[in-house]
Amino acid sequence: MPTASASGGMACHLLLIRRLRFQLFLLAALNAAASLQHPFPDLPPTASFPNFVGNMLPGPPFLGNAFLRSASITDPDFKESTVQHFDLDLQYQHKSYVFSLAYAGAKGTHLALGQDNNQPLLASPSNPVNELTTNSVANAPERVPFVGLSPLIFRLESSGNAIYNSLQATFKKDMSHGLQFLAAYTFSKSIDDAGDSLGAAIGGSFGRPIFGELVYNDQNNVAAQRSVSDFDREHRFVINGTWNVPGPEHATSAAVQKLGNGWSISYIVTLQSGLPFSILDGAAGTLFGPATTYTTADLAPGATLKDARRGGSVSGRVNEFLASFSVGTL
């Protein structure tokens, strides 16, 4: 007889992140005075922040052997990441057929995020920055909030968020009459501002879970990079099954019966949406620091996102796609 059931659940997971702290590496002659009894240099007093050794915090124009420093910083108010999972599943069974309709979702809070806290400020005659009134690529290191530190100082923070919602439908037939199959369709959307695979894919050394996704473009506006996750697939349909091929029951030859029995055909078909991706422009945003891969490209004058979505051959789509974006100069 037909049966129906309903189930639901919720779970919360704590993601532990190893915290990083400011590190200073002294090699060779820089630490020549070290000994086993006194391996580390004397640090300056802790009355001010940040603290540096010797002349490692020079002022502009950074002459001689002075150079910009980079630090590994963790937000002192860093919170451990949490992910909440929730679902509701309805099932209906009739004989060997089972149909289910489910909602599944997840919410991530306090996700690890790498944000630059030393982005150069824009100067003007009415709002000078460190006595500068003009903006140029050359004076970007002098327009930073912390002079002497690199314009790119990514601090590990816990300000990232993510949300996932999905509608999942499955239709299954258990084995009977030599046939079984399972069809599953998922309609979903994942949105975040702290993904961790995009960076690893394009740079290999950042975007890792321990650092979190590095903020792109304006470092003071994390909300601007909130978008679909780089692993988001809006539609996904999978069907698989097995058919036991009937044997030659009426064959009189033993050889034909032996060779003709025990055969089955299995299949699996997957249809799914493609992955989203970002167009990066390493030549853009240099007024705010050195050229990096942390900036996205702008649309060409008069172009819209619809212009980047073309049909036709692969080469034709690529050419039209590239023509929809412009290369930055500042």
C-alpha atoms as a PDB file:
ATOM      1  CA  MET A   1       0.000   0.000   0.000  1.00  0.00           C
ATOM      2  CA  PRO A   2       1.182   3.580  -0.573  1.00  0.00           C
ATOM      3  CA  THR A   3       3.133   5.161   2.278  1.00  0.00           C
ATOM      4  CA  ALA A   4       4.205   8.723   2.992  1.00  0.00           C
ATOM      5  CA  SER A   5       6.778  10.128   5.403  1.00  0.00           C
ATOM      6  CA  ALA A   6       8.362  13.415   6.397  1.00  0.00           C
ATOM      7  CA  SER A   7      11.681  14.164   8.087  1.00  0.00           C
ATOM      8  CA  GLY A   8      13.721  17.214   8.915  1.00  0.00           C
ATOM      9  CA  GLY A   9      16.856  18.178  10.737  1.00  0.00           C
ATOM     10  CA  MET A  10      19.298  20.879  11.687  1.00  0.00           C
ATOM     11  CA  ALA A  11      22.974  20.759  12.591  1.00  0.00           C
ATOM     12  CA  CYS A  12      25.612  23.308  13.508  1.00  0.00           C
ATOM     13  CA  HIS A  13      29.321  22.780  12.872  1.00  0.00           C
ATOM     14  CA  LEU A  14      32.259  24.705  14.295  1.00  0.00           C
ATOM     15  CA  LEU A  15      35.172  25.277  11.922  1.00  0.00           C
ATOM     16  CA  LEU A  16      38.495  25.700  13.716  1.00  0.00           C
ATOM     17  CA  ILE A  17      40.934  28.109  12.060  1.00  0.00           C
ATOM     18  CA  ARG A  18      44.584  28.201  13.062  1.00  0.00           C
ATOM     19  CA  ARG A  19      45.330  31.815  13.900  1.00  0.00           C
ATOM     20  CA  LEU A  20      48.316  33.607  12.440  1.00  0.00           C
ATOM     21  CA  ARG A  21      50.332  36.244  14.187  1.00  0.00           C
ATOM     22  CA  PHE A  22      52.865  38.827  13.194  1.00  0.00           C
ATOM     23  CA  GLN A  23      56.105  37.145  12.210  1.00  0.00           C
ATOM     24  CA  LEU A  24      59.576  38.473  11.692  1.00  0.00           C
ATOM     25  CA  PHE A  25      62.277  36.436   9.951  1.00  0.00           C
ATOM     26  CA  LEU A  26      65.917  37.320  10.516  1.00  0.00           C
ATOM     27  CA  LEU A  27      68.408  35.464   8.346  1.00  0.00           C
ATOM     28  CA  ALA A  28      72.197  35.322   8.206  1.00  0.00           C
ATOM     29  CA  ALA A  29      73.848  38.645   9.117  1.00  0.00           C
ATOM     30  CA  LEU A  30      70.561  40.156  10.261  1.00  0.00           C
ATOM     31  CA  ASN A  31      70.647  37.804  13.239  1.00  0.00           C
ATOM     32  CA  ALA A  32      74.410  37.353  13.578  1.00  0.00           C
ATOM     33  CA  ALA A  33      74.373  38.289  17.257  1.00  0.00           C
ATOM     34  CA  ALA A  34      72.062  35.406  18.147  1.00  0.00           C
ATOM     35  CA  SER A  35      73.158  32.589  20.432  1.00  0.00           C
ATOM     36  CA  LEU A  36      71.563  29.511  21.892  1.00  0.00           C
ATOM     37  CA  GLN A  37      71.143  31.381  25.172  1.00  0.00           C
ATOM     38  CA  HIS A  38      69.727  34.488  23.475  1.00  0.00           C
ATOM     39  CA  PRO A  39      68.325  33.381  20.079  1.00  0.00           C
ATOM     40  CA  PHE A  40      65.978  36.308  19.443  1.00  0.00           C
ATOM     41  CA  PRO A  41      66.692  40.030  19.031  1.00  0.00           C
ATOM     42  CA  ASP A  42      65.559  42.548  21.613  1.00  0.00           C
ATOM     43  CA  LEU A  43      62.183  43.880  20.609  1.00  0.00           C
ATOM     44  CA  PRO A  44      61.123  47.510  20.979  1.00  0.00           C
ATOM     45  CA  PRO A  45      58.730  48.465  23.764  1.00  0.00           C
ATOM     46  CA  THR A  46      55.097  47.426  23.403  1.00  0.00           C
ATOM     47  CA  ALA A  47      53.768  50.914  24.087  1.00  0.00           C
ATOM     48  CA  SER A  48      53.041  51.481  20.399  1.00  0.00           C
ATOM     49  CA  PHE A  49      51.660  49.442  17.555  1.00  0.00           C
ATOM     50  CA  PRO A  50      52.891  48.177  15.183  1.00  0.00           C
ATOM     51  CA  ASN A  51      56.319  47.306  16.588  1.00  0.00           C
ATOM     52  CA  PHE A  52      59.318  46.788  14.348  1.00  0.00           C
ATOM     53  CA  VAL A  53      62.989  46.049  14.832  1.00  0.00           C
ATOM     54  CA  GLY A  54      65.621  48.669  14.090  1.00  0.00           C
ATOM     55  CA  ASN A  55      65.083  50.705  10.946  1.00  0.00           C
ATOM     56  CA  MET A  56      62.510  48.382   9.389  1.00  0.00           C
ATOM     57  CA  LEU A  57      59.835  51.080   9.451  1.00  0.00           C
ATOM     58  CA  PRO A  58      61.428  53.797   7.310  1.00  0.00           C
ATOM     59  CA  GLY A  59      59.630  56.864   6.127  1.00  0.00           C
ATOM     60  CA  PRO A  60      59.355  58.018   2.541  1.00  0.00           C
ATOM     61  CA  PRO A  61      61.072  58.151   0.147  1.00  0.00           C
ATOM     62  CA  PHE A  62      62.406  54.751   1.315  1.00  0.00           C
ATOM     63  CA  LEU A  63      66.037  55.308   0.414  1.00  0.00           C
ATOM     64  CA  GLY A  64      69.035  53.045   0.965  1.00  0.00           C
ATOM     65  CA  ASN A  65      68.351  49.547   2.155  1.00  0.00           C
ATOM     66  CA  ALA A  66      64.935  50.419   3.534  1.00  0.00           C
ATOM     67  CA  PHE A  67      62.012  48.466   2.136  1.00  0.00           C
ATOM     68  CA  LEU A  68      58.315  48.040   2.719  1.00  0.00           C
ATOM     69  CA  ARG A  69      57.359  45.428   5.255  1.00  0.00           C
ATOM     70  CA  SER A  70      54.536  42.896   5.088  1.00  0.00           C
ATOM     71  CA  ALA A  71      52.933  41.392   8.159  1.00  0.00           C
ATOM     72  CA  SER A  72      50.812  38.348   8.942  1.00  0.00           C
ATOM     73  CA  ILE A  73      48.005  39.725  11.074  1.00  0.00           C
ATOM     74  CA  THR A  74      44.998  38.151  12.760  1.00  0.00           C
ATOM     75  CA  ASP A  75      42.034  40.210  13.880  1.00  0.00           C
ATOM     76  CA  PRO A  76      42.215  40.296  17.723  1.00  0.00           C
ATOM     77  CA  ASP A  77      38.432  39.847  17.741  1.00  0.00           C
ATOM     78  CA  PHE A  78      38.581  36.801  15.453  1.00  0.00           C
ATOM     79  CA  LYS A  79      35.640  34.439  15.920  1.00  0.00           C
ATOM     80  CA  GLU A  80      35.502  30.766  15.055  1.00  0.00           C
ATOM     81  CA  SER A  81      33.501  29.999  11.928  1.00  0.00           C
ATOM     82  CA  THR A  82      30.169  28.209  12.166  1.00  0.00           C
ATOM     83  CA  VAL A  83      28.048  26.485   9.513  1.00  0.00           C
ATOM     84  CA  GLN A  84      24.394  25.593  10.106  1.00  0.00           C
ATOM     85  CA  HIS A  85      22.707  22.905   8.016  1.00  0.00           C
ATOM     86  CA  PHE A  86      18.946  22.446   7.804  1.00  0.00           C
ATOM     87  CA  ASP A  87      16.663  20.272   5.675  1.00  0.00           C
ATOM     88  CA  LEU A  88      13.090  19.044   5.263  1.00  0.00           C
ATOM     89  CA  ASP A  89      12.295  15.909   3.267  1.00  0.00           C
ATOM     90  CA  LEU A  90       8.897  14.551   2.091  1.00  0.00           C
ATOM     91  CA  GLN A  91       8.656  11.041   0.641  1.00  0.00           C
ATOM     92  CA  TYR A  92       5.917   9.035  -1.002  1.00  0.00           C
ATOM     93  CA  GLN A  93       6.215   5.345  -1.916  1.00  0.00           C
ATOM     94  CA  HIS A  94       3.966   3.219  -4.105  1.00  0.00           C
ATOM     95  CA  LYS A  95       5.061  -0.353  -4.758  1.00  0.00           C
ATOM     96  CA  SER A  96       8.616  -0.164  -6.122  1.00  0.00           C
ATOM     97  CA  TYR A  97       8.472   3.569  -6.833  1.00  0.00           C
ATOM     98  CA  VAL A  98       9.660   6.259  -4.376  1.00  0.00           C
ATOM     99  CA  PHE A  99       9.268   9.991  -4.925  1.00  0.00           C
ATOM    100  CA  SER A 100      10.858  12.562  -2.610  1.00  0.00           C
ATOM    101  CA  LEU A 101      10.844  16.329  -2.496  1.00  0.00           C
ATOM    102  CA  ALA A 102      13.292  18.060  -0.169  1.00  0.00           C
ATOM    103  CA  TYR A 103      14.608  21.442   0.839  1.00  0.00           C
ATOM    104  CA  ALA A 104      18.227  21.659   1.994  1.00  0.00           C
ATOM    105  CA  GLY A 105      20.095  24.752   3.048  1.00  0.00           C
ATOM    106  CA  ALA A 106      23.179  25.944   4.858  1.00  0.00           C
ATOM    107  CA  LYS A 107      24.330  29.201   6.389  1.00  0.00           C
ATOM    108  CA  GLY A 108      27.931  30.087   7.164  1.00  0.00           C
ATOM    109  CA  THR A 109      28.857  32.925   9.515  1.00  0.00           C
ATOM    110  CA  HIS A 110      32.166  34.346  10.729  1.00  0.00           C
ATOM    111  CA  LEU A 111      33.954  32.747   7.772  1.00  0.00           C
ATOM    112  CA  ALA A 112      37.646  33.439   7.325  1.00  0.00           C
ATOM    113  CA  LEU A 113      38.316  36.427   5.092  1.00  0.00           C
ATOM    114  CA  GLY A 114      41.581  38.115   4.103  1.00  0.00           C
ATOM    115  CA  GLN A 115      41.099  41.897   3.953  1.00  0.00           C
ATOM    116  CA  ASP A 116      43.771  44.502   3.228  1.00  0.00           C
ATOM    117  CA  ASN A 117      43.862  47.051   6.055  1.00  0.00           C
ATOM    118  CA  ASN A 118      46.471  49.271   4.421  1.00  0.00           C
ATOM    119  CA  GLN A 119      44.770  50.281   1.171  1.00  0.00           C
ATOM    120  CA  PRO A 120      46.061  53.671  -0.049  1.00  0.00           C
ATOM    121  CA  LEU A 121      43.692  56.568   0.478  1.00  0.00           C
ATOM    122  CA  LEU A 122      42.733  59.019  -2.248  1.00  0.00           C
ATOM    123  CA  ALA A 123      44.267  62.444  -1.675  1.00  0.00           C
ATOM    124  CA  SER A 124      42.974  65.833  -2.774  1.00  0.00           C
ATOM    125  CA  PRO A 125      43.763  69.482  -1.978  1.00  0.00           C
ATOM    126  CA  SER A 126      40.796  69.567   0.399  1.00  0.00           C
ATOM    127  CA  ASN A 127      41.619  66.155   1.929  1.00  0.00           C
ATOM    128  CA  PRO A 128      45.393  65.652   1.920  1.00  0.00           C
ATOM    129  CA  VAL A 129      46.842  62.279   2.906  1.00  0.00           C
ATOM    130  CA  ASN A 130      50.167  62.395   4.700  1.00  0.00           C
ATOM    131  CA  GLU A 131      50.652  65.895   3.224  1.00  0.00           C
ATOM    132  CA  LEU A 132      50.013  64.595  -0.302  1.00  0.00           C
ATOM    133  CA  THR A 133      47.323  66.226  -2.442  1.00  0.00           C
ATOM    134  CA  THR A 134      47.667  64.204  -5.673  1.00  0.00           C
ATOM    135  CA  ASN A 135      47.318  60.532  -6.535  1.00  0.00           C
ATOM    136  CA  SER A 136      49.736  58.501  -8.617  1.00  0.00           C
ATOM    137  CA  VAL A 137      51.020  54.986  -8.888  1.00  0.00           C
ATOM    138  CA  ALA A 138      54.398  56.126  -7.553  1.00  0.00           C
ATOM    139  CA  ASN A 139      53.078  57.725  -4.359  1.00  0.00           C
ATOM    140  CA  ALA A 140      50.666  54.899  -3.477  1.00  0.00           C
ATOM    141  CA  PRO A 141      52.988  53.576  -0.696  1.00  0.00           C
ATOM    142  CA  GLU A 142      52.938  57.059   0.880  1.00  0.00           C
ATOM    143  CA  ARG A 143      49.138  57.328   0.940  1.00  0.00           C
ATOM    144  CA  VAL A 144      48.604  54.301   3.148  1.00  0.00           C
ATOM    145  CA  PRO A 145      47.228  54.499   6.705  1.00  0.00           C
ATOM    146  CA  PHE A 146      50.377  52.807   8.073  1.00  0.00           C
ATOM    147  CA  VAL A 147      53.367  54.363   6.328  1.00  0.00           C
ATOM    148  CA  GLY A 148      56.237  51.957   5.853  1.00  0.00           C
ATOM    149  CA  LEU A 149      54.058  48.910   5.443  1.00  0.00           C
ATOM    150  CA  SER A 150      53.170  47.422   2.105  1.00  0.00           C
ATOM    151  CA  PRO A 151      49.860  48.573   0.558  1.00  0.00           C
ATOM    152  CA  LEU A 152      48.888  44.889   0.561  1.00  0.00           C
ATOM    153  CA  ILE A 153      48.607  43.670   4.158  1.00  0.00           C
ATOM    154  CA  PHE A 154      45.892  41.079   4.376  1.00  0.00           C
ATOM    155  CA  ARG A 155      44.530  40.597   7.863  1.00  0.00           C
ATOM    156  CA  LEU A 156      42.759  37.354   8.725  1.00  0.00           C
ATOM    157  CA  GLU A 157      39.252  38.296   9.799  1.00  0.00           C
ATOM    158  CA  SER A 158      36.021  36.445  10.513  1.00  0.00           C
ATOM    159  CA  SER A 159      33.624  38.731   8.658  1.00  0.00           C
ATOM    160  CA  GLY A 160      32.692  36.402   5.797  1.00  0.00           C
ATOM    161  CA  ASN A 161      29.196  35.031   5.206  1.00  0.00           C
ATOM    162  CA  ALA A 162      27.625  32.413   2.956  1.00  0.00           C
ATOM    163  CA  ILE A 163      24.116  31.093   2.276  1.00  0.00           C
ATOM    164  CA  TYR A 164      22.941  28.055   0.316  1.00  0.00           C
ATOM    165  CA  ASN A 165      19.371  27.093  -0.597  1.00  0.00           C
ATOM    166  CA  SER A 166      18.209  24.181  -2.711  1.00  0.00           C
ATOM    167  CA  LEU A 167      15.120  22.324  -3.867  1.00  0.00           C
ATOM    168  CA  GLN A 168      15.839  18.634  -4.485  1.00  0.00           C
ATOM    169  CA  ALA A 169      13.522  16.162  -6.195  1.00  0.00           C
ATOM    170  CA  THR A 170      14.222  12.459  -6.711  1.00  0.00           C
ATOM    171  CA  PHE A 171      12.293   9.642  -8.372  1.00  0.00           C
ATOM    172  CA  LYS A 172      13.509   6.111  -7.741  1.00  0.00           C
ATOM    173  CA  LYS A 173      12.393   2.683  -8.954  1.00  0.00           C
ATOM    174  CA  ASP A 174      13.711  -0.299  -7.037  1.00  0.00           C
ATOM    175  CA  MET A 175      14.706  -3.391  -8.968  1.00  0.00           C
ATOM    176  CA  SER A 176      11.699  -5.174 -10.418  1.00  0.00           C
ATOM    177  CA  HIS A 177      11.129  -6.903 -13.736  1.00  0.00           C
ATOM    178  CA  GLY A 178      14.849  -6.482 -14.352  1.00  0.00           C
ATOM    179  CA  LEU A 179      14.762  -2.680 -14.262  1.00  0.00           C
ATOM    180  CA  GLN A 180      15.825  -0.047 -11.737  1.00  0.00           C
ATOM    181  CA  PHE A 181      16.630   3.658 -12.010  1.00  0.00           C
ATOM    182  CA  LEU A 182      17.148   6.842  -9.998  1.00  0.00           C
ATOM    183  CA  ALA A 183      16.539  10.353 -11.319  1.00  0.00           C
ATOM    184  CA  ALA A 184      17.528  13.402  -9.243  1.00  0.00           C
ATOM    185  CA  TYR A 185      17.127  17.103  -9.948  1.00  0.00           C
ATOM    186  CA  THR A 186      18.512  19.965  -7.850  1.00  0.00           C
ATOM    187  CA  PHE A 187      17.678  23.633  -8.227  1.00  0.00           C
ATOM    188  CA  SER A 188      20.018  25.601  -5.977  1.00  0.00           C
ATOM    189  CA  LYS A 189      21.799  28.859  -5.349  1.00  0.00           C
ATOM    190  CA  SER A 190      24.920  29.466  -3.281  1.00  0.00           C
ATOM    191  CA  ILE A 191      25.951  33.037  -2.456  1.00  0.00           C
ATOM    192  CA  ASP A 192      28.959  34.160  -0.442  1.00  0.00           C
ATOM    193  CA  ASP A 193      31.580  36.829   0.039  1.00  0.00           C
ATOM    194  CA  ALA A 194      34.199  34.433   1.383  1.00  0.00           C
ATOM    195  CA  GLY A 195      34.706  31.525  -1.014  1.00  0.00           C
ATOM    196  CA  ASP A 196      38.078  29.801  -0.850  1.00  0.00           C
ATOM    197  CA  SER A 197      38.621  27.986  -4.139  1.00  0.00           C
ATOM    198  CA  LEU A 198      38.758  30.853  -6.639  1.00  0.00           C
ATOM    199  CA  GLY A 199      42.011  32.207  -5.275  1.00  0.00           C
ATOM    200  CA  ALA A 200      43.619  28.804  -5.079  1.00  0.00           C
ATOM    201  CA  ALA A 201      42.622  28.122  -8.683  1.00  0.00           C
ATOM    202  CA  ILE A 202      44.177  31.271 -10.148  1.00  0.00           C
ATOM    203  CA  GLY A 203      47.102  31.876  -7.821  1.00  0.00           C
ATOM    204  CA  GLY A 204      47.833  28.665  -6.016  1.00  0.00           C
ATOM    205  CA  SER A 205      49.073  30.474  -2.916  1.00  0.00           C
ATOM    206  CA  PHE A 206      45.986  32.297  -1.697  1.00  0.00           C
ATOM    207  CA  GLY A 207      42.305  31.629  -1.343  1.00  0.00           C
ATOM    208  CA  ARG A 208      43.157  28.716   0.944  1.00  0.00           C
ATOM    209  CA  PRO A 209      40.796  27.959   3.831  1.00  0.00           C
ATOM    210  CA  ILE A 210      43.410  28.975   6.398  1.00  0.00           C
ATOM    211  CA  PHE A 211      43.523  32.537   5.022  1.00  0.00           C
ATOM    212  CA  GLY A 212      40.030  32.708   3.629  1.00  0.00           C
ATOM    213  CA  GLU A 213      39.106  34.340   0.350  1.00  0.00           C
ATOM    214  CA  LEU A 214      41.015  37.550  -0.228  1.00  0.00           C
ATOM    215  CA  VAL A 215      38.834  40.591  -0.810  1.00  0.00           C
ATOM    216  CA  TYR A 216      38.826  41.847  -4.399  1.00  0.00           C
ATOM    217  CA  ASN A 217      38.697  45.458  -5.589  1.00  0.00           C
ATOM    218  CA  ASP A 218      37.827  47.983  -2.847  1.00  0.00           C
ATOM    219  CA  GLN A 219      39.231  46.510   0.352  1.00  0.00           C
ATOM    220  CA  ASN A 220      36.976  48.740   2.439  1.00  0.00           C
ATOM    221  CA  ASN A 221      33.791  47.386   0.864  1.00  0.00           C
ATOM    222  CA  VAL A 222      33.570  43.631   1.440  1.00  0.00           C
ATOM    223  CA  ALA A 223      29.847  43.623   0.619  1.00  0.00           C
ATOM    224  CA  ALA A 224      30.649  44.572  -2.994  1.00  0.00           C
ATOM    225  CA  GLN A 225      32.084  41.119  -3.705  1.00  0.00           C
ATOM    226  CA  ARG A 226      29.000  39.274  -2.471  1.00  0.00           C
ATOM    227  CA  SER A 227      27.926  37.138  -5.407  1.00  0.00           C
ATOM    228  CA  VAL A 228      27.224  33.578  -6.475  1.00  0.00           C
ATOM    229  CA  SER A 229      29.797  31.126  -5.168  1.00  0.00           C
ATOM    230  CA  ASP A 230      32.483  29.991  -7.577  1.00  0.00           C
ATOM    231  CA  PHE A 231      31.203  26.396  -7.182  1.00  0.00           C
ATOM    232  CA  ASP A 232      27.533  27.314  -7.751  1.00  0.00           C
ATOM    233  CA  ARG A 233      25.597  25.174 -10.229  1.00  0.00           C
ATOM    234  CA  GLU A 234      22.014  26.400 -10.487  1.00  0.00           C
ATOM    235  CA  HIS A 235      20.628  23.313 -12.219  1.00  0.00           C
ATOM    236  CA  ARG A 236      21.814  19.731 -11.907  1.00  0.00           C
ATOM    237  CA  PHE A 237      20.047  16.633 -13.238  1.00  0.00           C
ATOM    238  CA  VAL A 238      21.393  13.098 -12.853  1.00  0.00           C
ATOM    239  CA  ILE A 239      19.779   9.852 -13.933  1.00  0.00           C
ATOM    240  CA  ASN A 240      21.229   6.381 -13.641  1.00  0.00           C
ATOM    241  CA  GLY A 241      19.842   2.889 -13.919  1.00  0.00           C
ATOM    242  CA  THR A 242      20.313  -0.738 -14.783  1.00  0.00           C
ATOM    243  CA  TRP A 243      18.428  -3.046 -17.126  1.00  0.00           C
ATOM    244  CA  ASN A 244      18.939  -6.776 -16.877  1.00  0.00           C
ATOM    245  CA  VAL A 245      18.747  -7.966 -20.451  1.00  0.00           C
ATOM    246  CA  PRO A 246      16.456 -11.000 -20.820  1.00  0.00           C
ATOM    247  CA  GLY A 247      18.289 -14.147 -21.806  1.00  0.00           C
ATOM    248  CA  PRO A 248      17.439 -16.450 -24.694  1.00  0.00           C
ATOM    249  CA  GLU A 249      14.922 -18.561 -22.753  1.00  0.00           C
ATOM    250  CA  HIS A 250      13.786 -20.595 -25.754  1.00  0.00           C
ATOM    251  CA  ALA A 251      17.254 -21.305 -27.134  1.00  0.00           C
ATOM    252  CA  THR A 252      18.010 -25.021 -27.500  1.00  0.00           C
ATOM    253  CA  SER A 253      21.760 -24.625 -27.637  1.00  0.00           C
ATOM    254  CA  ALA A 254      23.556 -24.750 -24.269  1.00  0.00           C
ATOM    255  CA  ALA A 255      26.265 -22.456 -25.608  1.00  0.00           C
ATOM    256  CA  VAL A 256      23.751 -19.830 -26.688  1.00  0.00           C
ATOM    257  CA  GLN A 257      22.022 -19.978 -23.325  1.00  0.00           C
ATOM    258  CA  LYS A 258      25.311 -19.612 -21.439  1.00  0.00           C
ATOM    259  CA  LEU A 259      26.544 -16.721 -23.561  1.00  0.00           C
ATOM    260  CA  GLY A 260      23.166 -15.010 -23.694  1.00  0.00           C
ATOM    261  CA  ASN A 261      22.359 -14.986 -19.969  1.00  0.00           C
ATOM    262  CA  GLY A 262      23.628 -12.634 -17.253  1.00  0.00           C
ATOM    263  CA  TRP A 263      23.938  -9.481 -19.367  1.00  0.00           C
ATOM    264  CA  SER A 264      22.908  -6.058 -18.064  1.00  0.00           C
ATOM    265  CA  ILE A 265      23.102  -2.493 -19.304  1.00  0.00           C
ATOM    266  CA  SER A 266      23.940   0.358 -16.908  1.00  0.00           C
ATOM    267  CA  TYR A 267      23.961   4.044 -17.625  1.00  0.00           C
ATOM    268  CA  ILE A 268      24.460   7.385 -15.962  1.00  0.00           C
ATOM    269  CA  VAL A 269      23.697  10.800 -17.439  1.00  0.00           C
ATOM    270  CA  THR A 270      24.567  14.141 -15.835  1.00  0.00           C
ATOM    271  CA  LEU A 271      23.286  17.484 -17.084  1.00  0.00           C
ATOM    272  CA  GLN A 272      24.258  20.593 -15.139  1.00  0.00           C
ATOM    273  CA  SER A 273      24.789  24.325 -15.370  1.00  0.00           C
ATOM    274  CA  GLY A 274      28.284  25.640 -15.906  1.00  0.00           C
ATOM    275  CA  LEU A 275      30.373  27.258 -13.206  1.00  0.00           C
ATOM    276  CA  PRO A 276      30.470  31.054 -12.844  1.00  0.00           C
ATOM    277  CA  PHE A 277      33.789  32.832 -13.167  1.00  0.00           C
ATOM    278  CA  SER A 278      35.255  36.288 -12.776  1.00  0.00           C
ATOM    279  CA  ILE A 279      37.176  38.346 -15.319  1.00  0.00           C
ATOM    280  CA  LEU A 280      40.323  39.607 -13.602  1.00  0.00           C
ATOM    281  CA  ASP A 281      42.446  42.544 -14.715  1.00  0.00           C
ATOM    282  CA  GLY A 282      45.930  42.723 -13.231  1.00  0.00           C
ATOM    283  CA  ALA A 283      46.481  46.190 -14.741  1.00  0.00           C
ATOM    284  CA  ALA A 284      43.598  47.822 -12.860  1.00  0.00           C
ATOM    285  CA  GLY A 285      43.604  49.515  -9.488  1.00  0.00           C
ATOM    286  CA  THR A 286      47.287  50.444  -9.410  1.00  0.00           C
ATOM    287  CA  LEU A 287      46.467  53.775  -7.761  1.00  0.00           C
ATOM    288  CA  PHE A 288      45.732  51.651  -4.704  1.00  0.00           C
ATOM    289  CA  GLY A 289      48.897  49.580  -4.749  1.00  0.00           C
ATOM    290  CA  PRO A 290      50.973  47.279  -6.951  1.00  0.00           C
ATOM    291  CA  ALA A 291      49.342  45.431  -9.825  1.00  0.00           C
ATOM    292  CA  THR A 292      47.772  42.225  -8.531  1.00  0.00           C
ATOM    293  CA  THR A 293      45.175  39.641  -9.437  1.00  0.00           C
ATOM    294  CA  TYR A 294      42.807  41.056  -6.818  1.00  0.00           C
ATOM    295  CA  THR A 295      40.961  43.356  -9.234  1.00  0.00           C
ATOM    296  CA  THR A 296      38.198  42.515 -11.678  1.00  0.00           C
ATOM    297  CA  ALA A 297      37.793  43.934 -15.170  1.00  0.00           C
ATOM    298  CA  ASP A 298      35.332  46.680 -16.106  1.00  0.00           C
ATOM    299  CA  LEU A 299      32.788  46.391 -18.870  1.00  0.00           C
ATOM    300  CA  ALA A 300      33.766  48.122 -22.082  1.00  0.00           C
ATOM    301  CA  PRO A 301      32.035  51.451 -22.787  1.00  0.00           C
ATOM    302  CA  GLY A 302      28.459  50.784 -23.858  1.00  0.00           C
ATOM    303  CA  ALA A 303      28.667  47.058 -23.112  1.00  0.00           C
ATOM    304  CA  THR A 304      26.413  45.110 -20.740  1.00  0.00           C
ATOM    305  CA  LEU A 305      26.598  41.641 -19.244  1.00  0.00           C
ATOM    306  CA  LYS A 306      24.176  40.433 -21.909  1.00  0.00           C
ATOM    307  CA  ASP A 307      26.808  41.253 -24.531  1.00  0.00           C
ATOM    308  CA  ALA A 308      29.146  38.757 -22.856  1.00  0.00           C
ATOM    309  CA  ARG A 309      26.612  35.943 -23.179  1.00  0.00           C
ATOM    310  CA  ARG A 310      26.815  34.899 -26.804  1.00  0.00           C
ATOM    311  CA  GLY A 311      26.010  31.789 -28.801  1.00  0.00           C
ATOM    312  CA  GLY A 312      27.828  30.253 -31.701  1.00  0.00           C
ATOM    313  CA  SER A 313      31.274  28.698 -31.998  1.00  0.00           C
ATOM    314  CA  VAL A 314      33.750  28.613 -29.127  1.00  0.00           C
ATOM    315  CA  SER A 315      36.139  31.052 -30.806  1.00  0.00           C
ATOM    316  CA  GLY A 316      33.262  33.370 -31.666  1.00  0.00           C
ATOM    317  CA  ARG A 317      31.993  33.380 -28.091  1.00  0.00           C
ATOM    318  CA  VAL A 318      35.477  34.035 -26.721  1.00  0.00           C
ATOM    319  CA  ASN A 319      36.063  36.963 -29.070  1.00  0.00           C
ATOM    320  CA  GLU A 320      32.706  38.537 -28.261  1.00  0.00           C
ATOM    321  CA  PHE A 321      33.263  37.914 -24.594  1.00  0.00           C
ATOM    322  CA  LEU A 322      36.676  39.584 -24.500  1.00  0.00           C
ATOM    323  CA  ALA A 323      35.340  42.511 -26.501  1.00  0.00           C
ATOM    324  CA  SER A 324      32.798  43.175 -23.745  1.00  0.00           C
ATOM    325  CA  PHE A 325      35.502  44.048 -21.202  1.00  0.00           C
ATOM    326  CA  SER A 326      38.164  46.720 -21.121  1.00  0.00           C
ATOM    327  CA  VAL A 327      41.672  46.673 -19.663  1.00  0.00           C
ATOM    328  CA  GLY A 328      42.282  49.074 -16.799  1.00  0.00           C
ATOM    329  CA  THR A 329      45.165  51.507 -16.635  1.00  0.00           C
ATOM    330  CA  LEU A 330      44.938  52.824 -13.048  1.00  0.00           C
END
